Structure formats: structure tokens, C-alpha cells
Amino acid sequence: MERNWYRNVTKLPKWTSTEACSEACREHCHEETCPHRMNRIECTHHRCNNTVIQQRNFTPLQIKESEGGEGLGAFALENIPAGQVLGEYTGEVITAHEFERRKKEAGRVYLVQLGDRYLDATTCGSPLRFVAHRCDRTNATPEIWDVAGEMRLILRASQPIPPGAEVTWNYVSEDRHEH
């Protein structure tokens, strides 16, 4: 699933900063000093290299049985450097009320808070729904980005990840993320 699915819910609120990057910004988009990157805003100009989410330029991961026997997990196929975008976490966008209902009914769920809505990747979502939860020993961190005014959730490698290593993140490390 490449994009979030909105069923019976209005789209996530648009952010206000949808302006295209300037010529000066495009010259520095590969640097951490880019004002758009510093504010987690992806540029909308087609010649800018700050378009990883829009271009779907993500790291390939292998989905297979987790080493701990906890179900499926996501594993690195190649060396992944720290800071590399692993992919976008997508799913069905639901309300807080629907989140509470599903949490009570379901056994295993893949729910992540995004603003005042939740992403439910239980039955449909990107391969990142298989990234395992760990309270410690994590190697990926979530980031919310503004892409053309829409909130989007990505995972980024927080440290180098060797081939064959399981990708993990802490779902509850920040107030806006919940499992």
C-alpha cells in the first residue's frame, strides 16, 4: 500500500507550509542546513532532491519470520547507513473513536497515532507494518513529515543496520505514537 487510505474519515488536516523550495534551498537540499529538511517539509519542486517520500525512494526490506517467533518481521537486505529513510508507514486512516473500538476487539493490531487520527495497518499497509516493536535495542525512529501539506509518517535508520538484521522501533517512545 503506497498511500494512506481514507475510509469514512476526512483527510488529515493540511499543514500550511506547501510553498516550493527556492533556488537557494535546492542548492543545499542535500545538507542538513536546508530549512525544509530541518522542519521536516518535503519540497514540491521536481528538480529538488528533498523528495524521497514522493519519489518512493525507499530501502528494500525482506519480510520473513521474526527471530523471536513473534510473527513476521522486516529485515535489512543490504547495509543501511544511519539516517537513511527506510520507508513510509501507511495504513487505513481512522478516528480516535474507531481506534478505541478496534483496540478492544482485535488481538494483534498495527495502530500508530498521527495527529488526531490513527493509521491502522492491521489488514492493509506498507511493509513497515512488520517492523518489530522493541523498548530498547531499536535501530529505527519515526518522523512525521509534511508532503505537499499532508502529514506522512516515515521510519529512518537511527544507526547503521547490517544485512540480515531485524529492523525495530519503539512504538510508544513519543506521545504521538501508540501501539
Foldseek 3Di string as FASTA:
>chain_A
DLAAAEDPDDADFFDDPLDADDPVLQVCVVDCVRPQVVVQEQGPDPSHPSCCSVVQVAADWDWDQDPVNPGIFTFHQAKAAAFGWHGWWYAYKAAPVVVVVCVVVDDDWQWWFDPRIIGTPRPHTDPCSRQAADPDPAQWDWDWHRYSRHTTITITGRHIHHGGDTHYDHQPPDPRGDD
